[in-house]
């Protein structure tokens, strides 16, 4: 049975049956593009904007050309969290884990693109997603 993730909690709330039946997970061009944007946002502060852009593939580089990682708040990039659905508690499990989440029932896992250390804020970039990050569960 599929487990909800931080990105799919909105769907679980809208249609609980969506998380009770087996699912076929497929990747798409939009998903690959979103992964590239996240990789750029994670790499640019470490290796420089130009070098990070050079690492992008030709099909998605244009999505990153207008992004300025220096404009993001100072903080952790790709900070991963788990939320215990039964206990209603959450905790950070690491930074830059590449979505290496624990495999345990009752957990919803997710990754914030930037976790600000200057103010209590989480920045999340969505590319082509039907839910705005600010409105997402």
C-alpha atoms as a PDB file:
ATOM      1  CA  UNK A   1       0.000   0.000   0.000  1.00  0.00           C
ATOM      2  CA  UNK A   2       1.450   3.419  -0.896  1.00  0.00           C
ATOM      3  CA  UNK A   3       2.554   5.686   1.923  1.00  0.00           C
ATOM      4  CA  UNK A   4       1.796   9.379   1.799  1.00  0.00           C
ATOM      5  CA  UNK A   5       4.737  11.698   1.338  1.00  0.00           C
ATOM      6  CA  UNK A   6       4.882  15.366   2.220  1.00  0.00           C
ATOM      7  CA  UNK A   7       4.141  16.122  -1.441  1.00  0.00           C
ATOM      8  CA  UNK A   8       1.160  13.774  -1.626  1.00  0.00           C
ATOM      9  CA  UNK A   9      -0.604  14.641   1.653  1.00  0.00           C
ATOM     10  CA  UNK A  10      -2.883  17.021  -0.279  1.00  0.00           C
ATOM     11  CA  UNK A  11      -4.004  14.118  -2.477  1.00  0.00           C
ATOM     12  CA  UNK A  12      -4.501  11.804   0.518  1.00  0.00           C
ATOM     13  CA  UNK A  13      -6.734  14.433   2.122  1.00  0.00           C
ATOM     14  CA  UNK A  14      -8.660  15.077  -1.101  1.00  0.00           C
ATOM     15  CA  UNK A  15      -9.041  11.392  -1.982  1.00  0.00           C
ATOM     16  CA  UNK A  16      -8.133   8.960   0.833  1.00  0.00           C
ATOM     17  CA  UNK A  17      -8.694   6.001  -1.505  1.00  0.00           C
ATOM     18  CA  UNK A  18      -5.706   7.164  -3.531  1.00  0.00           C
ATOM     19  CA  UNK A  19      -3.492   5.791  -0.766  1.00  0.00           C
ATOM     20  CA  UNK A  20      -5.313   2.515  -0.137  1.00  0.00           C
ATOM     21  CA  UNK A  21      -4.808   0.852  -3.510  1.00  0.00           C
ATOM     22  CA  UNK A  22      -1.596  -0.338  -5.176  1.00  0.00           C
ATOM     23  CA  UNK A  23      -0.042   2.290  -7.412  1.00  0.00           C
ATOM     24  CA  UNK A  24       2.170   2.212 -10.448  1.00  0.00           C
ATOM     25  CA  UNK A  25       4.838   4.865 -10.053  1.00  0.00           C
ATOM     26  CA  UNK A  26       6.098   6.369 -13.278  1.00  0.00           C
ATOM     27  CA  UNK A  27       8.564   9.126 -13.911  1.00  0.00           C
ATOM     28  CA  UNK A  28       7.777  11.979 -16.251  1.00  0.00           C
ATOM     29  CA  UNK A  29       9.598  14.812 -17.993  1.00  0.00           C
ATOM     30  CA  UNK A  30       8.072  17.229 -15.456  1.00  0.00           C
ATOM     31  CA  UNK A  31       9.387  15.147 -12.566  1.00  0.00           C
ATOM     32  CA  UNK A  32      12.869  15.038 -14.096  1.00  0.00           C
ATOM     33  CA  UNK A  33      12.777  18.812 -14.644  1.00  0.00           C
ATOM     34  CA  UNK A  34      11.786  19.391 -11.014  1.00  0.00           C
ATOM     35  CA  UNK A  35      14.635  17.151  -9.843  1.00  0.00           C
ATOM     36  CA  UNK A  36      17.068  19.153 -11.965  1.00  0.00           C
ATOM     37  CA  UNK A  37      15.873  22.442 -10.430  1.00  0.00           C
ATOM     38  CA  UNK A  38      16.341  21.001  -6.938  1.00  0.00           C
ATOM     39  CA  UNK A  39      19.805  19.753  -7.832  1.00  0.00           C
ATOM     40  CA  UNK A  40      20.740  23.195  -9.150  1.00  0.00           C
ATOM     41  CA  UNK A  41      19.501  24.887  -5.954  1.00  0.00           C
ATOM     42  CA  UNK A  42      21.521  22.438  -3.866  1.00  0.00           C
ATOM     43  CA  UNK A  43      24.721  22.587  -5.947  1.00  0.00           C
ATOM     44  CA  UNK A  44      24.942  26.309  -6.806  1.00  0.00           C
ATOM     45  CA  UNK A  45      25.879  27.505  -3.280  1.00  0.00           C
ATOM     46  CA  UNK A  46      28.576  24.804  -3.112  1.00  0.00           C
ATOM     47  CA  UNK A  47      30.222  25.069  -6.547  1.00  0.00           C
ATOM     48  CA  UNK A  48      28.984  28.410  -7.888  1.00  0.00           C
ATOM     49  CA  UNK A  49      26.038  29.349 -10.076  1.00  0.00           C
ATOM     50  CA  UNK A  50      27.862  29.055 -13.424  1.00  0.00           C
ATOM     51  CA  UNK A  51      29.283  25.607 -12.626  1.00  0.00           C
ATOM     52  CA  UNK A  52      25.895  24.375 -11.394  1.00  0.00           C
ATOM     53  CA  UNK A  53      24.226  25.644 -14.591  1.00  0.00           C
ATOM     54  CA  UNK A  54      26.864  23.820 -16.639  1.00  0.00           C
ATOM     55  CA  UNK A  55      25.888  20.569 -14.889  1.00  0.00           C
ATOM     56  CA  UNK A  56      22.244  20.918 -15.950  1.00  0.00           C
ATOM     57  CA  UNK A  57      21.056  19.070 -19.021  1.00  0.00           C
ATOM     58  CA  UNK A  58      20.116  21.100 -22.073  1.00  0.00           C
ATOM     59  CA  UNK A  59      16.383  20.369 -21.737  1.00  0.00           C
ATOM     60  CA  UNK A  60      16.037  21.893 -18.260  1.00  0.00           C
ATOM     61  CA  UNK A  61      18.859  24.447 -17.977  1.00  0.00           C
ATOM     62  CA  UNK A  62      16.446  27.234 -18.969  1.00  0.00           C
ATOM     63  CA  UNK A  63      14.394  26.558 -15.815  1.00  0.00           C
ATOM     64  CA  UNK A  64      17.403  27.425 -13.662  1.00  0.00           C
ATOM     65  CA  UNK A  65      18.828  30.374 -15.592  1.00  0.00           C
ATOM     66  CA  UNK A  66      16.471  32.869 -13.911  1.00  0.00           C
ATOM     67  CA  UNK A  67      16.939  31.430 -10.412  1.00  0.00           C
ATOM     68  CA  UNK A  68      19.393  33.199  -8.152  1.00  0.00           C
ATOM     69  CA  UNK A  69      20.434  30.901  -5.291  1.00  0.00           C
ATOM     70  CA  UNK A  70      22.069  33.916  -3.593  1.00  0.00           C
ATOM     71  CA  UNK A  71      18.581  35.405  -3.206  1.00  0.00           C
ATOM     72  CA  UNK A  72      17.494  32.446  -1.083  1.00  0.00           C
ATOM     73  CA  UNK A  73      17.792  32.749   2.677  1.00  0.00           C
ATOM     74  CA  UNK A  74      20.842  31.369   4.437  1.00  0.00           C
ATOM     75  CA  UNK A  75      19.997  27.843   5.456  1.00  0.00           C
ATOM     76  CA  UNK A  76      20.112  24.148   4.853  1.00  0.00           C
ATOM     77  CA  UNK A  77      19.518  22.922   1.303  1.00  0.00           C
ATOM     78  CA  UNK A  78      17.457  19.809   0.680  1.00  0.00           C
ATOM     79  CA  UNK A  79      16.599  19.291   4.367  1.00  0.00           C
ATOM     80  CA  UNK A  80      14.693  16.020   4.849  1.00  0.00           C
ATOM     81  CA  UNK A  81      12.020  15.406   7.470  1.00  0.00           C
ATOM     82  CA  UNK A  82       9.800  12.632   8.747  1.00  0.00           C
ATOM     83  CA  UNK A  83       6.363  13.208  10.217  1.00  0.00           C
ATOM     84  CA  UNK A  84       4.823  10.490  12.377  1.00  0.00           C
ATOM     85  CA  UNK A  85       1.159  10.411  11.352  1.00  0.00           C
ATOM     86  CA  UNK A  86       0.095   8.673  14.571  1.00  0.00           C
ATOM     87  CA  UNK A  87       2.149  10.653  17.097  1.00  0.00           C
ATOM     88  CA  UNK A  88       1.727  13.909  15.122  1.00  0.00           C
ATOM     89  CA  UNK A  89       5.376  14.756  15.609  1.00  0.00           C
ATOM     90  CA  UNK A  90       8.091  15.513  13.115  1.00  0.00           C
ATOM     91  CA  UNK A  91      11.839  15.752  13.021  1.00  0.00           C
ATOM     92  CA  UNK A  92      14.612  16.542  10.621  1.00  0.00           C
ATOM     93  CA  UNK A  93      16.610  13.503   9.514  1.00  0.00           C
ATOM     94  CA  UNK A  94      19.374  15.097   7.455  1.00  0.00           C
ATOM     95  CA  UNK A  95      20.510  17.348   4.642  1.00  0.00           C
ATOM     96  CA  UNK A  96      21.134  16.357   1.032  1.00  0.00           C
ATOM     97  CA  UNK A  97      19.894  12.794   1.495  1.00  0.00           C
ATOM     98  CA  UNK A  98      18.604  12.437  -2.048  1.00  0.00           C
ATOM     99  CA  UNK A  99      15.196  11.361  -0.749  1.00  0.00           C
ATOM    100  CA  UNK A 100      16.736   8.463   1.205  1.00  0.00           C
ATOM    101  CA  UNK A 101      13.783   8.204   3.545  1.00  0.00           C
ATOM    102  CA  UNK A 102      13.199   5.580   6.250  1.00  0.00           C
ATOM    103  CA  UNK A 103      10.853   2.801   5.206  1.00  0.00           C
ATOM    104  CA  UNK A 104       8.405   2.535   8.096  1.00  0.00           C
ATOM    105  CA  UNK A 105       4.629   2.485   8.280  1.00  0.00           C
ATOM    106  CA  UNK A 106       2.953   5.574   9.703  1.00  0.00           C
ATOM    107  CA  UNK A 107       5.581   8.030   8.465  1.00  0.00           C
ATOM    108  CA  UNK A 108       5.169  10.745   5.867  1.00  0.00           C
ATOM    109  CA  UNK A 109       8.550  11.887   4.595  1.00  0.00           C
ATOM    110  CA  UNK A 110       9.511  14.961   2.647  1.00  0.00           C
ATOM    111  CA  UNK A 111      12.292  17.310   1.723  1.00  0.00           C
ATOM    112  CA  UNK A 112      12.299  21.106   1.964  1.00  0.00           C
ATOM    113  CA  UNK A 113      14.349  22.845  -0.690  1.00  0.00           C
ATOM    114  CA  UNK A 114      15.664  25.408   1.805  1.00  0.00           C
ATOM    115  CA  UNK A 115      15.245  25.494   5.567  1.00  0.00           C
ATOM    116  CA  UNK A 116      16.031  29.047   6.643  1.00  0.00           C
ATOM    117  CA  UNK A 117      18.295  29.512   9.647  1.00  0.00           C
ATOM    118  CA  UNK A 118      17.589  33.256   9.744  1.00  0.00           C
ATOM    119  CA  UNK A 119      13.843  33.055  10.284  1.00  0.00           C
ATOM    120  CA  UNK A 120      11.345  30.230  10.718  1.00  0.00           C
ATOM    121  CA  UNK A 121      10.688  29.564   7.042  1.00  0.00           C
ATOM    122  CA  UNK A 122      10.719  26.680   4.611  1.00  0.00           C
ATOM    123  CA  UNK A 123      11.214  27.414   0.921  1.00  0.00           C
ATOM    124  CA  UNK A 124       9.888  24.916  -1.569  1.00  0.00           C
ATOM    125  CA  UNK A 125      10.107  25.221  -5.340  1.00  0.00           C
ATOM    126  CA  UNK A 126       7.342  23.564  -7.337  1.00  0.00           C
ATOM    127  CA  UNK A 127       7.657  23.160 -11.094  1.00  0.00           C
ATOM    128  CA  UNK A 128       4.407  22.249 -12.816  1.00  0.00           C
ATOM    129  CA  UNK A 129       2.753  20.932  -9.636  1.00  0.00           C
ATOM    130  CA  UNK A 130      -1.022  21.432  -9.196  1.00  0.00           C
ATOM    131  CA  UNK A 131      -0.683  22.658  -5.583  1.00  0.00           C
ATOM    132  CA  UNK A 132       1.098  25.835  -4.491  1.00  0.00           C
ATOM    133  CA  UNK A 133       3.694  25.122  -1.847  1.00  0.00           C
ATOM    134  CA  UNK A 134       2.174  27.680   0.534  1.00  0.00           C
ATOM    135  CA  UNK A 135      -1.154  25.822   0.390  1.00  0.00           C
ATOM    136  CA  UNK A 136       0.265  22.311   0.574  1.00  0.00           C
ATOM    137  CA  UNK A 137      -0.224  20.222   3.693  1.00  0.00           C
END
